[in-house]
Amino acid sequence: MEKNPTIQLILDEVCRLRLAGDISQVEMAEHLEISQAAYNKIENGRTKLKHQVLIEIAIKFNVPIEHFYQLIHNSQSSKPSANA
């Protein structure tokens, strides 16, 4: 499965938050009520990240869901304009 760069931004942030919080993939999987292997596939982009799962991740890290969408907005607004 080819990785979408926009989705990869979100996945990278999920991983960054998890590591910053010293939370293992096993702990995240338990929070999401999935297996560690399933969580690993999400974080590595081998399984689609469902919106409900992203909401649960946001709750776990006490960040608004908009935090993840702001990453997309920021990355798109930092790209040079094709008309420049």
Protein backbone atom coordinates (compact mmCIF):
# COMPACT_ATOMS: atom_id res chain seq x y z
CA MET A 1 0.00 0.00 0.00
CA GLU A 2 1.47 3.34 -1.08
CA LYS A 3 1.67 5.82 1.79
CA ASN A 4 -0.24 9.06 1.43
CA PRO A 5 2.03 11.92 2.61
CA THR A 6 -0.89 13.69 4.27
CA ILE A 7 -1.87 10.61 6.23
CA GLN A 8 1.79 10.00 7.04
CA LEU A 9 1.89 13.39 8.83
CA ILE A 10 -0.86 12.23 11.15
CA LEU A 11 0.72 8.82 11.71
CA ASP A 12 4.08 10.41 12.50
CA GLU A 13 2.40 12.68 15.04
CA VAL A 14 0.58 9.76 16.65
CA CYS A 15 3.92 7.97 17.00
CA ARG A 16 5.62 11.14 18.31
CA LEU A 17 2.93 11.64 20.96
CA ARG A 18 3.11 8.00 21.98
CA LEU A 19 6.88 8.07 22.37
CA ALA A 20 6.84 11.45 24.15
CA GLY A 21 4.33 10.01 26.60
CA ASP A 22 6.51 6.93 27.13
CA ILE A 23 3.59 4.73 26.05
CA SER A 24 4.24 1.39 24.42
CA GLN A 25 2.40 0.06 21.41
CA VAL A 26 0.96 -2.60 23.70
CA GLU A 27 -0.51 0.08 25.99
CA MET A 28 -1.95 1.97 23.01
CA ALA A 29 -3.46 -1.23 21.65
CA GLU A 30 -5.04 -1.97 25.02
CA HIS A 31 -6.52 1.55 25.14
CA LEU A 32 -7.96 1.07 21.66
CA GLU A 33 -9.06 -2.50 22.46
CA ILE A 34 -7.12 -3.98 19.55
CA SER A 35 -4.07 -6.21 19.31
CA GLN A 36 -0.56 -4.79 19.36
CA ALA A 37 -0.06 -6.14 15.84
CA ALA A 38 -3.15 -4.26 14.63
CA TYR A 39 -1.94 -1.07 16.30
CA ASN A 40 1.51 -1.50 14.75
CA LYS A 41 -0.10 -1.76 11.30
CA ILE A 42 -2.01 1.48 11.91
CA GLU A 43 1.07 3.38 13.10
CA ASN A 44 3.11 2.10 10.17
CA GLY A 45 0.44 2.92 7.60
CA ARG A 46 -0.28 -0.67 6.62
CA THR A 47 -3.91 -0.37 7.80
CA LYS A 48 -6.17 2.63 7.32
CA LEU A 49 -6.54 4.86 10.34
CA LYS A 50 -10.27 5.14 10.97
CA HIS A 51 -11.65 8.44 12.23
CA GLN A 52 -13.05 6.84 15.39
CA VAL A 53 -9.62 5.42 16.23
CA LEU A 54 -8.05 8.84 15.71
CA ILE A 55 -10.61 10.30 18.11
CA GLU A 56 -9.69 7.66 20.71
CA ILE A 57 -6.00 8.48 20.22
CA ALA A 58 -6.71 12.19 20.68
CA ILE A 59 -8.55 11.40 23.91
CA LYS A 60 -5.64 9.25 25.13
CA PHE A 61 -3.21 12.13 24.60
CA ASN A 62 -5.64 14.81 25.74
CA VAL A 63 -5.34 16.76 22.49
CA PRO A 64 -8.23 18.06 20.43
CA ILE A 65 -8.93 16.13 17.25
CA GLU A 66 -8.24 19.38 15.41
CA HIS A 67 -4.58 19.00 16.44
CA PHE A 68 -4.12 16.35 13.77
CA TYR A 69 -5.97 18.29 11.08
CA GLN A 70 -3.94 21.40 11.87
CA LEU A 71 -0.82 19.44 10.91
CA ILE A 72 -2.30 18.94 7.45
CA HIS A 73 -3.27 22.58 7.15
CA ASN A 74 0.18 23.74 8.26
CA SER A 75 1.96 21.43 5.84
CA GLN A 76 -0.18 22.54 2.92
CA SER A 77 0.18 26.24 3.70
CA SER A 78 3.97 25.90 3.96
CA LYS A 79 4.27 24.50 0.43
CA PRO A 80 5.44 27.02 -2.15
CA SER A 81 2.69 28.23 -4.43
CA ALA A 82 2.76 26.97 -8.01
CA ASN A 83 2.14 30.55 -9.13
CA ALA A 84 5.11 31.99 -7.25
